[in-house]
């Protein structure tokens, strides 16, 4: 079974990171090498035997009428600034056009 983790920006960090392109985030936070892990929360883990594309997962979790979205998914409809962690541990940022590979920056 393969696990795909869905992360969304925490409510208290929406102003800084929510629904923003990676370019805008980096422009406003030039000192950061990665994205602050504490600004995102794990909202769902999708387990499957298949190897879905990032775009397919976006469609699954951006399903407005809920016909295909998993019933137990309680996060927001997938949008810009959401992150998918693939089974190989790579993080993919949903950007305004496509996907960008990112990394967490742990802060103390």
C-alpha atoms as a PDB file:
ATOM      1  CA  UNK A   1       0.000   0.000   0.000  1.00  0.00           C
ATOM      2  CA  UNK A   2       1.300   3.472  -0.904  1.00  0.00           C
ATOM      3  CA  UNK A   3       0.540   6.482   1.282  1.00  0.00           C
ATOM      4  CA  UNK A   4       0.107  10.027  -0.043  1.00  0.00           C
ATOM      5  CA  UNK A   5      -0.067  12.666   2.696  1.00  0.00           C
ATOM      6  CA  UNK A   6      -2.054  15.866   2.173  1.00  0.00           C
ATOM      7  CA  UNK A   7      -0.949  18.982   4.061  1.00  0.00           C
ATOM      8  CA  UNK A   8      -2.855  22.263   4.230  1.00  0.00           C
ATOM      9  CA  UNK A   9      -1.895  25.597   5.760  1.00  0.00           C
ATOM     10  CA  UNK A  10      -3.018  25.966   9.371  1.00  0.00           C
ATOM     11  CA  UNK A  11      -5.653  28.648   9.960  1.00  0.00           C
ATOM     12  CA  UNK A  12      -3.296  30.821  12.002  1.00  0.00           C
ATOM     13  CA  UNK A  13      -0.813  30.888   9.083  1.00  0.00           C
ATOM     14  CA  UNK A  14      -3.268  31.562   6.243  1.00  0.00           C
ATOM     15  CA  UNK A  15      -2.259  35.207   5.902  1.00  0.00           C
ATOM     16  CA  UNK A  16       1.415  34.352   5.364  1.00  0.00           C
ATOM     17  CA  UNK A  17       1.178  31.109   3.397  1.00  0.00           C
ATOM     18  CA  UNK A  18      -2.383  30.176   2.493  1.00  0.00           C
ATOM     19  CA  UNK A  19      -3.540  30.163  -1.125  1.00  0.00           C
ATOM     20  CA  UNK A  20      -0.292  31.835  -2.227  1.00  0.00           C
ATOM     21  CA  UNK A  21       2.109  30.875  -4.965  1.00  0.00           C
ATOM     22  CA  UNK A  22       5.553  29.621  -4.047  1.00  0.00           C
ATOM     23  CA  UNK A  23       7.044  32.702  -5.716  1.00  0.00           C
ATOM     24  CA  UNK A  24       4.974  35.024  -3.491  1.00  0.00           C
ATOM     25  CA  UNK A  25       5.908  33.075  -0.354  1.00  0.00           C
ATOM     26  CA  UNK A  26       9.610  33.181  -1.218  1.00  0.00           C
ATOM     27  CA  UNK A  27       9.416  36.891  -2.046  1.00  0.00           C
ATOM     28  CA  UNK A  28       7.871  37.630   1.377  1.00  0.00           C
ATOM     29  CA  UNK A  29      10.164  35.233   3.280  1.00  0.00           C
ATOM     30  CA  UNK A  30      13.539  35.416   1.449  1.00  0.00           C
ATOM     31  CA  UNK A  31      15.499  34.247   4.504  1.00  0.00           C
ATOM     32  CA  UNK A  32      13.870  30.811   4.468  1.00  0.00           C
ATOM     33  CA  UNK A  33      15.505  27.894   2.671  1.00  0.00           C
ATOM     34  CA  UNK A  34      12.394  25.725   2.904  1.00  0.00           C
ATOM     35  CA  UNK A  35       8.823  25.995   4.109  1.00  0.00           C
ATOM     36  CA  UNK A  36       8.144  26.127   7.851  1.00  0.00           C
ATOM     37  CA  UNK A  37       6.710  22.743   8.843  1.00  0.00           C
ATOM     38  CA  UNK A  38       4.671  24.271  11.667  1.00  0.00           C
ATOM     39  CA  UNK A  39       2.617  26.351   9.187  1.00  0.00           C
ATOM     40  CA  UNK A  40       1.120  23.238   7.557  1.00  0.00           C
ATOM     41  CA  UNK A  41      -0.931  20.464   9.119  1.00  0.00           C
ATOM     42  CA  UNK A  42      -1.446  16.923   7.951  1.00  0.00           C
ATOM     43  CA  UNK A  43      -5.132  16.680   7.019  1.00  0.00           C
ATOM     44  CA  UNK A  44      -5.329  13.310   5.284  1.00  0.00           C
ATOM     45  CA  UNK A  45      -3.396  10.222   4.259  1.00  0.00           C
ATOM     46  CA  UNK A  46      -4.621   8.614   1.059  1.00  0.00           C
ATOM     47  CA  UNK A  47      -3.644   4.964   0.755  1.00  0.00           C
ATOM     48  CA  UNK A  48      -3.761   3.158  -2.550  1.00  0.00           C
ATOM     49  CA  UNK A  49      -2.216   0.269  -4.441  1.00  0.00           C
ATOM     50  CA  UNK A  50      -1.853   2.422  -7.561  1.00  0.00           C
ATOM     51  CA  UNK A  51       0.580   5.231  -8.397  1.00  0.00           C
ATOM     52  CA  UNK A  52      -1.677   8.231  -9.048  1.00  0.00           C
ATOM     53  CA  UNK A  53      -0.295  11.397 -10.590  1.00  0.00           C
ATOM     54  CA  UNK A  54      -0.233  14.622  -8.590  1.00  0.00           C
ATOM     55  CA  UNK A  55      -2.826  16.055 -10.967  1.00  0.00           C
ATOM     56  CA  UNK A  56      -5.126  13.068 -10.385  1.00  0.00           C
ATOM     57  CA  UNK A  57      -4.804  13.538  -6.610  1.00  0.00           C
ATOM     58  CA  UNK A  58      -5.555  17.246  -7.041  1.00  0.00           C
ATOM     59  CA  UNK A  59      -8.763  16.382  -8.891  1.00  0.00           C
ATOM     60  CA  UNK A  60      -9.721  13.819  -6.244  1.00  0.00           C
ATOM     61  CA  UNK A  61      -9.339  16.292  -3.371  1.00  0.00           C
ATOM     62  CA  UNK A  62     -10.660  19.287  -5.307  1.00  0.00           C
ATOM     63  CA  UNK A  63     -13.987  17.576  -6.038  1.00  0.00           C
ATOM     64  CA  UNK A  64     -16.528  20.269  -5.177  1.00  0.00           C
ATOM     65  CA  UNK A  65     -19.638  18.089  -5.197  1.00  0.00           C
ATOM     66  CA  UNK A  66     -18.010  15.326  -3.165  1.00  0.00           C
ATOM     67  CA  UNK A  67     -18.838  12.528  -5.604  1.00  0.00           C
ATOM     68  CA  UNK A  68     -15.315  11.137  -5.781  1.00  0.00           C
ATOM     69  CA  UNK A  69     -13.627  12.695  -2.740  1.00  0.00           C
ATOM     70  CA  UNK A  70     -13.088  10.191   0.092  1.00  0.00           C
ATOM     71  CA  UNK A  71     -15.967  10.452   2.567  1.00  0.00           C
ATOM     72  CA  UNK A  72     -13.645  10.786   5.557  1.00  0.00           C
ATOM     73  CA  UNK A  73     -11.669  13.686   4.067  1.00  0.00           C
ATOM     74  CA  UNK A  74     -12.444  16.775   6.162  1.00  0.00           C
ATOM     75  CA  UNK A  75      -9.877  19.227   4.770  1.00  0.00           C
ATOM     76  CA  UNK A  76     -10.577  22.117   2.430  1.00  0.00           C
ATOM     77  CA  UNK A  77     -10.854  21.553  -1.276  1.00  0.00           C
ATOM     78  CA  UNK A  78      -7.293  21.223  -2.573  1.00  0.00           C
ATOM     79  CA  UNK A  79      -5.817  24.505  -3.751  1.00  0.00           C
ATOM     80  CA  UNK A  80      -2.646  26.535  -4.214  1.00  0.00           C
ATOM     81  CA  UNK A  81      -0.280  26.189  -1.222  1.00  0.00           C
ATOM     82  CA  UNK A  82      -1.368  22.642  -0.356  1.00  0.00           C
ATOM     83  CA  UNK A  83       1.378  20.028  -0.251  1.00  0.00           C
ATOM     84  CA  UNK A  84       1.353  16.357  -1.203  1.00  0.00           C
ATOM     85  CA  UNK A  85       4.002  14.071   0.261  1.00  0.00           C
ATOM     86  CA  UNK A  86       4.569  11.094  -2.020  1.00  0.00           C
ATOM     87  CA  UNK A  87       5.533   7.612  -0.760  1.00  0.00           C
ATOM     88  CA  UNK A  88       9.200   8.318  -1.538  1.00  0.00           C
ATOM     89  CA  UNK A  89       9.162  11.223   0.949  1.00  0.00           C
ATOM     90  CA  UNK A  90       9.245  14.016  -1.622  1.00  0.00           C
ATOM     91  CA  UNK A  91       7.075  17.081  -0.980  1.00  0.00           C
ATOM     92  CA  UNK A  92       5.141  18.673  -3.832  1.00  0.00           C
ATOM     93  CA  UNK A  93       3.723  22.192  -3.479  1.00  0.00           C
ATOM     94  CA  UNK A  94       0.539  22.898  -5.429  1.00  0.00           C
ATOM     95  CA  UNK A  95       1.519  26.105  -7.217  1.00  0.00           C
ATOM     96  CA  UNK A  96      -0.544  28.473  -9.314  1.00  0.00           C
ATOM     97  CA  UNK A  97       0.696  26.579 -12.381  1.00  0.00           C
ATOM     98  CA  UNK A  98       1.723  23.012 -11.709  1.00  0.00           C
ATOM     99  CA  UNK A  99       3.779  21.476  -8.927  1.00  0.00           C
ATOM    100  CA  UNK A 100       7.053  22.515  -7.312  1.00  0.00           C
ATOM    101  CA  UNK A 101       9.210  20.217  -5.213  1.00  0.00           C
ATOM    102  CA  UNK A 102       9.879  21.751  -1.795  1.00  0.00           C
ATOM    103  CA  UNK A 103      11.352  20.817   1.547  1.00  0.00           C
ATOM    104  CA  UNK A 104      10.457  21.518   5.154  1.00  0.00           C
ATOM    105  CA  UNK A 105      12.555  23.912   7.163  1.00  0.00           C
ATOM    106  CA  UNK A 106      12.442  22.861  10.772  1.00  0.00           C
ATOM    107  CA  UNK A 107      12.444  25.790  13.160  1.00  0.00           C
ATOM    108  CA  UNK A 108      13.122  25.815  16.871  1.00  0.00           C
END
